[in-house]
Amino acid sequence: MTLRLGILASGRGTNAQAIIDAADSGRLNADIRIVIANRPGAMVLERARKHGIKSLCLDHNAFADRESYDRQAVEELLAAGADTIALAGYMRLVTPLFLRTFPNRVLNIHPALLPAFPGSRGVRDAWNYGAKISGCTVHFVDPVMDGGPIIIQAALPVLQDESEDQLLERIHVLEYRTYVQALQWLAEDRLSIEGRRVLLAPSTALPAPAPECALVWPPLEQNF
């Protein structure tokens, strides 16, 4: 099936760009209906406009509380026809109201190997802690911050001589591929949730090589 996708982001929108590019190239079965940013001037809005995608800024500072913000966001997403939501560098927690509207259809990308280092400082916390392995996680969203069932993870070694920013850039490379893969599995209706576990139905697709120095599980497939 084709995902009717809404993307929520807060900043540069590089993960959003990877999703847009994958949809444009046919690697991802998705019709991106709207991109919403919660910060005025967020670069992700310009990325959407360049691709002819409806874009909207809902400044969170203009709302009394988180639920009233999400109520408006849900209204805009439904009006655009979205049935699946990708949080792509979206620096806000979504409320139960939001999750009830899109049950098991809200995904997030996190720049650490959950359940380790949740929160907005995942890369910094892993780097400061001296972790030897880091990476990224794509997961379904639930009411607990970065606590939803895990779909796919990609791991890489933390190099002894690299900075936090350099580690982040290498993790970004993994994010762009794994997020698209997770969304495509959802489009193919191959994901199911049993308790805390996400199960992936098998496919005849050939395995694709992992990015250099990375372990990806479940493995990426063709074109990823």
N, C-alpha and C. Protein backbone atom coordinates (compact mmCIF):
# COMPACT_ATOMS: atom_id res chain seq x y z
N MET A 1 0.84 -1.18 0.00
CA MET A 1 0.00 0.00 0.00
C MET A 1 0.88 1.25 0.00
N THR A 2 0.27 2.36 -0.27
CA THR A 2 0.99 3.63 -0.25
C THR A 2 0.67 4.37 1.04
N LEU A 3 1.72 4.70 1.80
CA LEU A 3 1.53 5.47 3.01
C LEU A 3 1.09 6.88 2.65
N ARG A 4 0.09 7.38 3.34
CA ARG A 4 -0.27 8.79 3.23
C ARG A 4 0.40 9.49 4.41
N LEU A 5 1.55 10.07 4.13
CA LEU A 5 2.49 10.42 5.18
C LEU A 5 2.44 11.89 5.57
N GLY A 6 2.42 12.11 6.87
CA GLY A 6 2.64 13.44 7.42
C GLY A 6 3.97 13.43 8.14
N ILE A 7 4.77 14.46 7.94
CA ILE A 7 6.08 14.56 8.57
C ILE A 7 6.07 15.72 9.54
N LEU A 8 6.52 15.47 10.77
CA LEU A 8 6.68 16.53 11.77
C LEU A 8 8.16 16.69 12.07
N ALA A 9 8.63 17.93 12.04
CA ALA A 9 10.05 18.21 12.27
C ALA A 9 10.19 19.55 12.96
N SER A 10 11.39 19.78 13.49
CA SER A 10 11.63 21.03 14.23
C SER A 10 12.75 21.88 13.64
N GLY A 11 13.62 21.29 12.82
CA GLY A 11 14.82 22.03 12.43
C GLY A 11 15.19 21.89 10.97
N ARG A 12 16.41 21.39 10.74
CA ARG A 12 16.95 21.34 9.38
C ARG A 12 16.19 20.41 8.46
N GLY A 13 15.69 19.33 9.01
CA GLY A 13 14.87 18.43 8.20
C GLY A 13 15.66 17.51 7.30
N THR A 14 16.84 17.08 7.73
CA THR A 14 17.62 16.20 6.86
C THR A 14 16.99 14.81 6.77
N ASN A 15 16.42 14.32 7.86
CA ASN A 15 15.70 13.04 7.76
C ASN A 15 14.44 13.19 6.91
N ALA A 16 13.77 14.31 7.03
CA ALA A 16 12.62 14.57 6.16
C ALA A 16 13.04 14.57 4.70
N GLN A 17 14.19 15.16 4.41
CA GLN A 17 14.69 15.20 3.03
C GLN A 17 14.96 13.79 2.52
N ALA A 18 15.54 12.93 3.36
CA ALA A 18 15.79 11.56 2.94
C ALA A 18 14.49 10.83 2.62
N ILE A 19 13.46 11.08 3.41
CA ILE A 19 12.16 10.46 3.16
C ILE A 19 11.55 11.00 1.87
N ILE A 20 11.63 12.31 1.67
CA ILE A 20 11.10 12.92 0.44
C ILE A 20 11.82 12.36 -0.78
N ASP A 21 13.13 12.28 -0.72
CA ASP A 21 13.91 11.77 -1.85
C ASP A 21 13.56 10.32 -2.15
N ALA A 22 13.37 9.52 -1.10
CA ALA A 22 13.03 8.11 -1.30
C ALA A 22 11.65 7.97 -1.94
N ALA A 23 10.70 8.80 -1.51
CA ALA A 23 9.36 8.76 -2.12
C ALA A 23 9.42 9.21 -3.57
N ASP A 24 10.19 10.25 -3.85
CA ASP A 24 10.30 10.75 -5.22
C ASP A 24 10.93 9.72 -6.16
N SER A 25 11.88 8.94 -5.64
CA SER A 25 12.60 7.98 -6.48
C SER A 25 11.87 6.65 -6.61
N GLY A 26 10.81 6.44 -5.82
CA GLY A 26 10.07 5.20 -5.87
C GLY A 26 10.59 4.14 -4.91
N ARG A 27 11.61 4.45 -4.13
CA ARG A 27 12.11 3.49 -3.15
C ARG A 27 11.18 3.35 -1.96
N LEU A 28 10.37 4.35 -1.73
CA LEU A 28 9.42 4.34 -0.62
C LEU A 28 8.02 4.57 -1.18
N ASN A 29 7.12 3.66 -0.84
CA ASN A 29 5.73 3.79 -1.29
C ASN A 29 5.00 4.76 -0.36
N ALA A 30 5.17 6.03 -0.62
CA ALA A 30 4.56 7.04 0.24
C ALA A 30 4.15 8.26 -0.57
N ASP A 31 3.01 8.78 -0.22
CA ASP A 31 2.52 10.06 -0.74
C ASP A 31 2.60 11.04 0.43
N ILE A 32 3.56 11.95 0.38
CA ILE A 32 3.76 12.87 1.50
C ILE A 32 2.74 13.99 1.39
N ARG A 33 1.80 14.01 2.33
CA ARG A 33 0.67 14.92 2.26
C ARG A 33 0.96 16.29 2.88
N ILE A 34 1.81 16.33 3.92
CA ILE A 34 2.06 17.59 4.60
C ILE A 34 3.32 17.47 5.45
N VAL A 35 4.01 18.58 5.59
CA VAL A 35 5.14 18.71 6.50
C VAL A 35 4.80 19.83 7.49
N ILE A 36 4.86 19.52 8.77
CA ILE A 36 4.55 20.50 9.82
C ILE A 36 5.80 20.72 10.67
N ALA A 37 6.13 21.98 10.92
CA ALA A 37 7.21 22.35 11.82
C ALA A 37 6.65 23.14 12.98
N ASN A 38 7.25 22.97 14.14
CA ASN A 38 6.79 23.71 15.32
C ASN A 38 7.63 24.96 15.59
N ARG A 39 8.63 25.22 14.75
CA ARG A 39 9.48 26.38 14.93
C ARG A 39 9.46 27.25 13.67
N PRO A 40 9.12 28.53 13.79
CA PRO A 40 9.15 29.41 12.62
C PRO A 40 10.55 29.45 12.02
N GLY A 41 10.61 29.43 10.71
CA GLY A 41 11.89 29.50 10.02
C GLY A 41 12.62 28.19 9.92
N ALA A 42 12.04 27.10 10.39
CA ALA A 42 12.69 25.80 10.29
C ALA A 42 12.96 25.46 8.82
N MET A 43 14.18 25.01 8.55
CA MET A 43 14.58 24.75 7.17
C MET A 43 13.75 23.66 6.51
N VAL A 44 13.16 22.77 7.32
CA VAL A 44 12.37 21.70 6.75
C VAL A 44 11.20 22.23 5.94
N LEU A 45 10.67 23.40 6.30
CA LEU A 45 9.55 23.97 5.56
C LEU A 45 9.97 24.34 4.14
N GLU A 46 11.16 24.89 3.99
CA GLU A 46 11.66 25.24 2.66
C GLU A 46 11.92 23.97 1.85
N ARG A 47 12.42 22.94 2.50
CA ARG A 47 12.63 21.67 1.79
C ARG A 47 11.30 21.16 1.20
N ALA A 48 10.24 21.23 2.00
CA ALA A 48 8.94 20.78 1.52
C ALA A 48 8.46 21.63 0.34
N ARG A 49 8.61 22.94 0.47
CA ARG A 49 8.15 23.84 -0.60
C ARG A 49 8.87 23.55 -1.91
N LYS A 50 10.15 23.25 -1.85
CA LYS A 50 10.91 22.97 -3.06
C LYS A 50 10.40 21.74 -3.79
N HIS A 51 9.74 20.84 -3.05
CA HIS A 51 9.21 19.62 -3.66
C HIS A 51 7.71 19.70 -3.89
N GLY A 52 7.14 20.87 -3.70
CA GLY A 52 5.72 21.03 -3.93
C GLY A 52 4.84 20.35 -2.89
N ILE A 53 5.39 20.15 -1.71
CA ILE A 53 4.64 19.50 -0.63
C ILE A 53 4.04 20.58 0.27
N LYS A 54 2.81 20.39 0.66
CA LYS A 54 2.17 21.33 1.56
C LYS A 54 2.99 21.44 2.84
N SER A 55 3.23 22.66 3.28
CA SER A 55 4.01 22.87 4.50
C SER A 55 3.28 23.86 5.40
N LEU A 56 3.51 23.69 6.70
CA LEU A 56 2.79 24.51 7.67
C LEU A 56 3.64 24.66 8.92
N CYS A 57 3.71 25.88 9.43
CA CYS A 57 4.35 26.11 10.73
C CYS A 57 3.26 26.30 11.78
N LEU A 58 3.30 25.45 12.78
CA LEU A 58 2.47 25.62 13.97
C LEU A 58 3.42 25.94 15.12
N ASP A 59 3.56 27.19 15.44
CA ASP A 59 4.49 27.61 16.49
C ASP A 59 3.94 27.16 17.84
N HIS A 60 4.68 26.30 18.52
CA HIS A 60 4.17 25.76 19.78
C HIS A 60 4.02 26.85 20.85
N ASN A 61 4.74 27.95 20.68
CA ASN A 61 4.62 29.03 21.66
C ASN A 61 3.26 29.73 21.60
N ALA A 62 2.52 29.49 20.53
CA ALA A 62 1.22 30.15 20.38
C ALA A 62 0.09 29.36 21.01
N PHE A 63 0.41 28.23 21.63
CA PHE A 63 -0.63 27.37 22.20
C PHE A 63 -0.48 27.29 23.71
N ALA A 64 -1.61 27.14 24.37
CA ALA A 64 -1.61 27.17 25.84
C ALA A 64 -0.93 25.96 26.45
N ASP A 65 -1.06 24.81 25.79
CA ASP A 65 -0.47 23.59 26.36
C ASP A 65 -0.23 22.59 25.23
N ARG A 66 0.38 21.48 25.60
CA ARG A 66 0.76 20.47 24.61
C ARG A 66 -0.45 19.84 23.94
N GLU A 67 -1.50 19.61 24.70
CA GLU A 67 -2.67 18.96 24.12
C GLU A 67 -3.38 19.87 23.12
N SER A 68 -3.47 21.16 23.41
CA SER A 68 -4.12 22.06 22.45
C SER A 68 -3.28 22.16 21.17
N TYR A 69 -1.97 22.10 21.31
CA TYR A 69 -1.11 22.09 20.12
C TYR A 69 -1.38 20.83 19.30
N ASP A 70 -1.37 19.68 19.98
CA ASP A 70 -1.56 18.43 19.25
C ASP A 70 -2.94 18.34 18.63
N ARG A 71 -3.94 18.92 19.28
CA ARG A 71 -5.28 18.91 18.71
C ARG A 71 -5.29 19.63 17.36
N GLN A 72 -4.58 20.75 17.28
CA GLN A 72 -4.50 21.49 16.02
C GLN A 72 -3.67 20.72 14.99
N ALA A 73 -2.56 20.12 15.44
CA ALA A 73 -1.73 19.35 14.53
C ALA A 73 -2.51 18.18 13.95
N VAL A 74 -3.26 17.48 14.79
CA VAL A 74 -4.08 16.36 14.32
C VAL A 74 -5.10 16.84 13.30
N GLU A 75 -5.73 17.97 13.57
CA GLU A 75 -6.71 18.51 12.63
C GLU A 75 -6.08 18.76 11.26
N GLU A 76 -4.88 19.35 11.26
CA GLU A 76 -4.20 19.64 10.00
C GLU A 76 -3.77 18.36 9.29
N LEU A 77 -3.29 17.38 10.04
CA LEU A 77 -2.87 16.12 9.44
C LEU A 77 -4.04 15.37 8.82
N LEU A 78 -5.14 15.31 9.53
CA LEU A 78 -6.32 14.63 9.00
C LEU A 78 -6.88 15.37 7.78
N ALA A 79 -6.87 16.69 7.82
CA ALA A 79 -7.36 17.47 6.69
C ALA A 79 -6.51 17.22 5.45
N ALA A 80 -5.22 16.96 5.66
CA ALA A 80 -4.32 16.68 4.54
C ALA A 80 -4.41 15.23 4.07
N GLY A 81 -5.14 14.42 4.81
CA GLY A 81 -5.32 13.02 4.42
C GLY A 81 -4.24 12.08 4.92
N ALA A 82 -3.45 12.51 5.90
CA ALA A 82 -2.37 11.66 6.39
C ALA A 82 -2.92 10.52 7.24
N ASP A 83 -2.32 9.32 7.08
CA ASP A 83 -2.69 8.18 7.92
C ASP A 83 -1.49 7.62 8.67
N THR A 84 -0.30 8.12 8.37
CA THR A 84 0.93 7.67 9.01
C THR A 84 1.78 8.90 9.30
N ILE A 85 2.44 8.91 10.46
CA ILE A 85 3.19 10.09 10.85
C ILE A 85 4.65 9.70 11.10
N ALA A 86 5.56 10.46 10.49
CA ALA A 86 6.99 10.29 10.71
C ALA A 86 7.50 11.50 11.49
N LEU A 87 7.96 11.26 12.72
CA LEU A 87 8.61 12.30 13.48
C LEU A 87 10.08 12.32 13.06
N ALA A 88 10.51 13.43 12.49
CA ALA A 88 11.85 13.49 11.88
C ALA A 88 12.60 14.67 12.47
N GLY A 89 13.27 14.43 13.59
CA GLY A 89 13.90 15.54 14.28
C GLY A 89 12.87 16.45 14.91
N TYR A 90 11.81 15.85 15.40
CA TYR A 90 10.72 16.61 16.03
C TYR A 90 10.96 16.64 17.53
N MET A 91 11.23 17.82 18.06
CA MET A 91 11.72 17.95 19.43
C MET A 91 10.60 18.20 20.43
N ARG A 92 9.51 17.48 20.25
CA ARG A 92 8.39 17.58 21.18
C ARG A 92 7.82 16.18 21.43
N LEU A 93 7.34 15.97 22.65
CA LEU A 93 6.60 14.76 22.95
C LEU A 93 5.18 14.90 22.40
N VAL A 94 4.66 13.83 21.83
CA VAL A 94 3.27 13.85 21.39
C VAL A 94 2.40 13.30 22.51
N THR A 95 1.16 13.75 22.53
CA THR A 95 0.24 13.43 23.61
C THR A 95 -0.56 12.16 23.29
N PRO A 96 -1.21 11.59 24.31
CA PRO A 96 -2.11 10.45 24.06
C PRO A 96 -3.18 10.76 23.01
N LEU A 97 -3.68 11.98 22.98
CA LEU A 97 -4.64 12.38 21.96
C LEU A 97 -4.08 12.12 20.56
N PHE A 98 -2.84 12.51 20.34
CA PHE A 98 -2.20 12.32 19.05
C PHE A 98 -2.07 10.83 18.74
N LEU A 99 -1.61 10.06 19.70
CA LEU A 99 -1.37 8.63 19.47
C LEU A 99 -2.67 7.88 19.25
N ARG A 100 -3.75 8.29 19.92
CA ARG A 100 -5.04 7.63 19.70
C ARG A 100 -5.56 7.86 18.29
N THR A 101 -5.21 9.00 17.72
CA THR A 101 -5.68 9.31 16.37
C THR A 101 -4.97 8.47 15.32
N PHE A 102 -3.70 8.13 15.59
CA PHE A 102 -2.92 7.35 14.62
C PHE A 102 -2.31 6.14 15.34
N PRO A 103 -3.13 5.19 15.75
CA PRO A 103 -2.62 4.07 16.55
C PRO A 103 -1.64 3.20 15.77
N ASN A 104 -0.45 2.99 16.34
CA ASN A 104 0.61 2.20 15.73
C ASN A 104 0.98 2.70 14.33
N ARG A 105 0.80 4.02 14.13
CA ARG A 105 1.15 4.62 12.83
C ARG A 105 2.03 5.85 13.03
N VAL A 106 2.64 5.99 14.20
CA VAL A 106 3.54 7.11 14.46
C VAL A 106 4.93 6.54 14.71
N LEU A 107 5.90 6.95 13.89
CA LEU A 107 7.26 6.45 13.99
C LEU A 107 8.20 7.58 14.34
N ASN A 108 9.32 7.20 14.96
CA ASN A 108 10.34 8.18 15.34
C ASN A 108 11.72 7.61 15.08
N ILE A 109 12.68 8.50 14.81
CA ILE A 109 14.09 8.12 14.67
C ILE A 109 14.84 8.76 15.83
N HIS A 110 15.69 7.95 16.49
CA HIS A 110 16.44 8.44 17.64
C HIS A 110 17.93 8.14 17.43
N PRO A 111 18.81 9.12 17.68
CA PRO A 111 20.23 8.94 17.39
C PRO A 111 21.01 8.27 18.52
N ALA A 112 20.54 7.12 18.96
CA ALA A 112 21.23 6.30 19.94
C ALA A 112 20.59 4.92 19.90
N LEU A 113 21.24 3.98 20.57
CA LEU A 113 20.74 2.61 20.59
C LEU A 113 19.84 2.43 21.81
N LEU A 114 18.57 2.70 21.61
CA LEU A 114 17.61 2.54 22.71
C LEU A 114 17.58 1.09 23.18
N PRO A 115 17.32 0.86 24.47
CA PRO A 115 16.84 1.82 25.46
C PRO A 115 17.93 2.69 26.10
N ALA A 116 19.17 2.58 25.64
CA ALA A 116 20.22 3.44 26.19
C ALA A 116 20.09 4.85 25.62
N PHE A 117 20.37 5.84 26.45
CA PHE A 117 20.49 7.25 26.06
C PHE A 117 19.25 7.81 25.35
N PRO A 118 18.09 7.72 26.00
CA PRO A 118 16.90 8.38 25.44
C PRO A 118 16.99 9.88 25.64
N GLY A 119 16.05 10.60 25.03
CA GLY A 119 15.98 12.04 25.22
C GLY A 119 16.67 12.83 24.14
N SER A 120 16.64 14.14 24.30
CA SER A 120 17.10 15.05 23.24
C SER A 120 18.60 15.13 23.12
N ARG A 121 19.34 14.53 24.06
CA ARG A 121 20.81 14.61 24.04
C ARG A 121 21.43 13.23 23.85
N GLY A 122 20.79 12.39 23.06
CA GLY A 122 21.23 11.01 22.93
C GLY A 122 22.67 10.87 22.48
N VAL A 123 23.05 11.61 21.44
CA VAL A 123 24.42 11.51 20.94
C VAL A 123 25.41 12.05 21.97
N ARG A 124 25.11 13.20 22.53
CA ARG A 124 26.01 13.80 23.52
C ARG A 124 26.16 12.90 24.75
N ASP A 125 25.04 12.33 25.20
CA ASP A 125 25.11 11.49 26.39
C ASP A 125 25.95 10.25 26.14
N ALA A 126 25.79 9.62 24.97
CA ALA A 126 26.58 8.44 24.64
C ALA A 126 28.06 8.80 24.53
N TRP A 127 28.35 9.91 23.89
CA TRP A 127 29.74 10.35 23.69
C TRP A 127 30.38 10.69 25.04
N ASN A 128 29.67 11.45 25.87
CA ASN A 128 30.21 11.80 27.18
C ASN A 128 30.38 10.59 28.09
N TYR A 129 29.51 9.61 27.95
CA TYR A 129 29.57 8.42 28.78
C TYR A 129 30.76 7.53 28.41
N GLY A 130 31.27 7.75 27.20
CA GLY A 130 32.37 6.92 26.73
C GLY A 130 31.92 5.62 26.09
N ALA A 131 30.67 5.60 25.59
CA ALA A 131 30.18 4.40 24.92
C ALA A 131 31.08 4.04 23.74
N LYS A 132 31.33 2.76 23.56
CA LYS A 132 32.17 2.30 22.46
C LYS A 132 31.37 1.98 21.20
N ILE A 133 30.07 1.79 21.38
CA ILE A 133 29.16 1.52 20.26
C ILE A 133 27.99 2.49 20.37
N SER A 134 27.62 3.10 19.28
CA SER A 134 26.43 3.95 19.24
C SER A 134 25.69 3.67 17.94
N GLY A 135 24.74 4.53 17.60
CA GLY A 135 23.99 4.29 16.37
C GLY A 135 22.64 4.97 16.41
N CYS A 136 21.64 4.33 15.81
CA CYS A 136 20.31 4.93 15.75
C CYS A 136 19.24 3.86 15.86
N THR A 137 18.05 4.30 16.21
CA THR A 137 16.91 3.41 16.42
C THR A 137 15.67 4.02 15.78
N VAL A 138 14.95 3.23 15.01
CA VAL A 138 13.62 3.62 14.53
C VAL A 138 12.61 2.81 15.33
N HIS A 139 11.62 3.50 15.90
CA HIS A 139 10.67 2.82 16.77
C HIS A 139 9.27 3.41 16.59
N PHE A 140 8.29 2.59 16.95
CA PHE A 140 6.94 3.11 17.09
C PHE A 140 6.90 4.01 18.32
N VAL A 141 6.05 5.02 18.27
CA VAL A 141 5.96 5.97 19.37
C VAL A 141 4.84 5.54 20.31
N ASP A 142 5.16 5.59 21.62
CA ASP A 142 4.13 5.39 22.63
C ASP A 142 4.23 6.53 23.64
N PRO A 143 3.44 6.55 24.71
CA PRO A 143 3.46 7.71 25.59
C PRO A 143 4.78 7.94 26.33
N VAL A 144 5.64 6.93 26.41
CA VAL A 144 6.92 7.08 27.11
C VAL A 144 7.95 7.63 26.13
N MET A 145 8.69 8.65 26.52
CA MET A 145 9.68 9.26 25.64
C MET A 145 10.70 8.23 25.16
N ASP A 146 10.80 8.07 23.85
CA ASP A 146 11.74 7.14 23.22
C ASP A 146 11.57 5.72 23.77
N GLY A 147 10.34 5.37 24.14
CA GLY A 147 10.10 4.09 24.78
C GLY A 147 9.31 3.09 23.98
N GLY A 148 8.92 3.43 22.74
CA GLY A 148 8.06 2.55 21.97
C GLY A 148 8.78 1.36 21.39
N PRO A 149 8.03 0.37 20.89
CA PRO A 149 8.62 -0.84 20.33
C PRO A 149 9.59 -0.55 19.19
N ILE A 150 10.73 -1.23 19.22
CA ILE A 150 11.83 -0.97 18.28
C ILE A 150 11.61 -1.73 16.97
N ILE A 151 11.77 -1.03 15.86
CA ILE A 151 11.61 -1.62 14.53
C ILE A 151 12.97 -2.04 13.96
N ILE A 152 13.94 -1.15 13.99
CA ILE A 152 15.25 -1.43 13.40
C ILE A 152 16.29 -0.58 14.11
N GLN A 153 17.50 -1.14 14.24
CA GLN A 153 18.62 -0.41 14.82
C GLN A 153 19.85 -0.60 13.94
N ALA A 154 20.69 0.44 13.93
CA ALA A 154 21.97 0.37 13.23
C ALA A 154 23.05 0.85 14.18
N ALA A 155 24.14 0.09 14.26
CA ALA A 155 25.19 0.38 15.23
C ALA A 155 26.51 0.63 14.52
N LEU A 156 27.33 1.51 15.12
CA LEU A 156 28.67 1.76 14.63
C LEU A 156 29.61 2.02 15.80
N PRO A 157 30.91 1.82 15.60
CA PRO A 157 31.85 2.08 16.69
C PRO A 157 32.05 3.58 16.89
N VAL A 158 32.19 3.98 18.13
CA VAL A 158 32.55 5.37 18.43
C VAL A 158 34.07 5.47 18.35
N LEU A 159 34.55 6.27 17.44
CA LEU A 159 35.99 6.36 17.23
C LEU A 159 36.65 7.18 18.33
N GLN A 160 37.82 6.77 18.71
CA GLN A 160 38.49 7.38 19.85
C GLN A 160 38.82 8.84 19.63
N ASP A 161 39.11 9.21 18.37
CA ASP A 161 39.58 10.58 18.10
C ASP A 161 38.51 11.46 17.47
N GLU A 162 37.24 11.03 17.47
CA GLU A 162 36.22 11.85 16.84
C GLU A 162 35.49 12.70 17.87
N SER A 163 34.97 13.83 17.39
CA SER A 163 34.20 14.72 18.25
C SER A 163 32.75 14.27 18.29
N GLU A 164 31.99 14.87 19.19
CA GLU A 164 30.56 14.60 19.26
C GLU A 164 29.88 14.93 17.93
N ASP A 165 30.24 16.05 17.32
CA ASP A 165 29.63 16.44 16.05
C ASP A 165 29.97 15.46 14.94
N GLN A 166 31.19 14.95 14.94
CA GLN A 166 31.58 13.98 13.92
C GLN A 166 30.82 12.67 14.10
N LEU A 167 30.64 12.26 15.35
CA LEU A 167 29.84 11.07 15.61
C LEU A 167 28.41 11.27 15.12
N LEU A 168 27.84 12.44 15.40
CA LEU A 168 26.47 12.73 14.96
C LEU A 168 26.35 12.63 13.46
N GLU A 169 27.30 13.16 12.72
CA GLU A 169 27.22 13.11 11.25
C GLU A 169 27.27 11.68 10.74
N ARG A 170 28.07 10.83 11.38
CA ARG A 170 28.11 9.43 10.95
C ARG A 170 26.81 8.71 11.29
N ILE A 171 26.22 9.06 12.42
CA ILE A 171 24.93 8.46 12.76
C ILE A 171 23.85 8.92 11.78
N HIS A 172 23.91 10.19 11.36
CA HIS A 172 22.93 10.67 10.38
C HIS A 172 22.91 9.80 9.13
N VAL A 173 24.07 9.38 8.67
CA VAL A 173 24.15 8.54 7.46
C VAL A 173 23.33 7.26 7.66
N LEU A 174 23.40 6.69 8.85
CA LEU A 174 22.60 5.51 9.15
C LEU A 174 21.12 5.83 9.23
N GLU A 175 20.80 6.97 9.83
CA GLU A 175 19.40 7.35 9.99
C GLU A 175 18.68 7.43 8.66
N TYR A 176 19.32 8.06 7.68
CA TYR A 176 18.64 8.30 6.40
C TYR A 176 18.24 6.99 5.73
N ARG A 177 18.99 5.93 5.94
CA ARG A 177 18.68 4.65 5.31
C ARG A 177 17.70 3.83 6.16
N THR A 178 17.94 3.80 7.46
CA THR A 178 17.10 2.94 8.29
C THR A 178 15.68 3.47 8.43
N TYR A 179 15.52 4.79 8.46
CA TYR A 179 14.17 5.33 8.59
C TYR A 179 13.34 5.00 7.35
N VAL A 180 13.92 5.18 6.18
CA VAL A 180 13.21 4.86 4.95
C VAL A 180 12.87 3.37 4.91
N GLN A 181 13.83 2.52 5.33
CA GLN A 181 13.56 1.08 5.33
C GLN A 181 12.38 0.75 6.25
N ALA A 182 12.36 1.31 7.45
CA ALA A 182 11.27 1.03 8.38
C ALA A 182 9.93 1.47 7.81
N LEU A 183 9.88 2.64 7.21
CA LEU A 183 8.64 3.12 6.61
C LEU A 183 8.20 2.22 5.45
N GLN A 184 9.16 1.74 4.67
CA GLN A 184 8.79 0.85 3.56
C GLN A 184 8.25 -0.47 4.07
N TRP A 185 8.83 -1.00 5.12
CA TRP A 185 8.26 -2.21 5.73
C TRP A 185 6.83 -1.97 6.17
N LEU A 186 6.56 -0.80 6.74
CA LEU A 186 5.20 -0.47 7.15
C LEU A 186 4.28 -0.40 5.93
N ALA A 187 4.77 0.22 4.87
CA ALA A 187 3.98 0.31 3.63
C ALA A 187 3.67 -1.07 3.07
N GLU A 188 4.57 -2.01 3.26
CA GLU A 188 4.38 -3.38 2.77
C GLU A 188 3.57 -4.22 3.75
N ASP A 189 3.12 -3.62 4.85
CA ASP A 189 2.31 -4.30 5.86
C ASP A 189 3.03 -5.52 6.42
N ARG A 190 4.32 -5.36 6.68
CA ARG A 190 5.14 -6.48 7.16
C ARG A 190 5.50 -6.37 8.63
N LEU A 191 5.05 -5.31 9.29
CA LEU A 191 5.38 -5.13 10.70
C LEU A 191 4.18 -5.47 11.59
N SER A 192 4.43 -6.21 12.65
CA SER A 192 3.40 -6.50 13.65
C SER A 192 4.01 -6.35 15.03
N ILE A 193 3.19 -5.98 15.99
CA ILE A 193 3.66 -5.76 17.35
C ILE A 193 3.07 -6.84 18.26
N GLU A 194 3.96 -7.52 18.98
CA GLU A 194 3.55 -8.51 19.97
C GLU A 194 4.20 -8.13 21.29
N GLY A 195 3.41 -7.58 22.19
CA GLY A 195 3.98 -7.08 23.43
C GLY A 195 4.92 -5.93 23.16
N ARG A 196 6.19 -6.08 23.54
CA ARG A 196 7.20 -5.05 23.29
C ARG A 196 7.97 -5.32 22.01
N ARG A 197 7.71 -6.40 21.34
CA ARG A 197 8.51 -6.81 20.19
C ARG A 197 7.82 -6.46 18.88
N VAL A 198 8.61 -5.97 17.92
CA VAL A 198 8.12 -5.76 16.56
C VAL A 198 8.62 -6.90 15.70
N LEU A 199 7.70 -7.61 15.07
CA LEU A 199 8.05 -8.74 14.22
C LEU A 199 7.99 -8.29 12.76
N LEU A 200 8.95 -8.77 11.97
CA LEU A 200 9.04 -8.43 10.55
C LEU A 200 8.76 -9.66 9.72
N ALA A 201 7.73 -9.59 8.88
CA ALA A 201 7.41 -10.71 7.99
C ALA A 201 8.51 -10.85 6.94
N PRO A 202 8.81 -12.08 6.53
CA PRO A 202 9.90 -12.29 5.57
C PRO A 202 9.58 -11.74 4.20
N SER A 203 10.64 -11.58 3.41
CA SER A 203 10.51 -11.04 2.05
C SER A 203 11.50 -11.76 1.14
N THR A 204 11.24 -11.68 -0.15
CA THR A 204 12.17 -12.26 -1.13
C THR A 204 13.22 -11.24 -1.57
N ALA A 205 13.15 -10.02 -1.03
CA ALA A 205 14.12 -9.00 -1.43
C ALA A 205 15.52 -9.41 -1.05
N LEU A 206 16.46 -9.06 -1.91
CA LEU A 206 17.86 -9.38 -1.65
C LEU A 206 18.41 -8.45 -0.57
N PRO A 207 19.33 -8.96 0.25
CA PRO A 207 19.94 -8.09 1.26
C PRO A 207 20.80 -7.01 0.61
N ALA A 208 20.82 -5.85 1.22
CA ALA A 208 21.66 -4.75 0.75
C ALA A 208 22.83 -4.59 1.71
N PRO A 209 23.97 -4.13 1.23
CA PRO A 209 25.11 -3.96 2.13
C PRO A 209 24.83 -2.89 3.18
N ALA A 210 25.31 -3.14 4.39
CA ALA A 210 25.20 -2.13 5.44
C ALA A 210 26.18 -1.02 5.17
N PRO A 211 25.89 0.19 5.65
CA PRO A 211 26.87 1.26 5.54
C PRO A 211 28.19 0.85 6.18
N GLU A 212 29.24 1.45 5.73
CA GLU A 212 30.58 1.09 6.20
C GLU A 212 30.65 1.13 7.73
N CYS A 213 31.24 0.10 8.31
CA CYS A 213 31.48 0.01 9.76
C CYS A 213 30.18 -0.01 10.55
N ALA A 214 29.11 -0.55 9.97
CA ALA A 214 27.83 -0.56 10.68
C ALA A 214 27.24 -1.96 10.69
N LEU A 215 26.53 -2.26 11.76
CA LEU A 215 25.70 -3.44 11.86
C LEU A 215 24.26 -2.96 11.88
N VAL A 216 23.44 -3.47 10.97
CA VAL A 216 22.04 -3.07 10.89
C VAL A 216 21.18 -4.30 11.11
N TRP A 217 20.23 -4.22 12.03
CA TRP A 217 19.34 -5.35 12.29
C TRP A 217 17.94 -4.87 12.62
N PRO A 218 16.91 -5.47 11.93
CA PRO A 218 17.01 -6.40 10.82
C PRO A 218 17.76 -5.79 9.63
N PRO A 219 18.33 -6.64 8.77
CA PRO A 219 19.16 -6.10 7.68
C PRO A 219 18.36 -5.24 6.71
N LEU A 220 19.05 -4.26 6.14
CA LEU A 220 18.47 -3.50 5.05
C LEU A 220 18.20 -4.41 3.87
N GLU A 221 17.28 -3.99 2.99
CA GLU A 221 16.97 -4.77 1.82
C GLU A 221 17.35 -4.00 0.55
N GLN A 222 16.96 -4.50 -0.58
CA GLN A 222 17.33 -3.89 -1.86
C GLN A 222 17.08 -2.39 -1.86
N ASN A 223 17.99 -1.66 -2.48
CA ASN A 223 17.86 -0.22 -2.72
C ASN A 223 18.01 0.64 -1.47
N PHE A 224 18.33 0.03 -0.34
CA PHE A 224 18.49 0.81 0.88
C PHE A 224 19.95 0.84 1.31
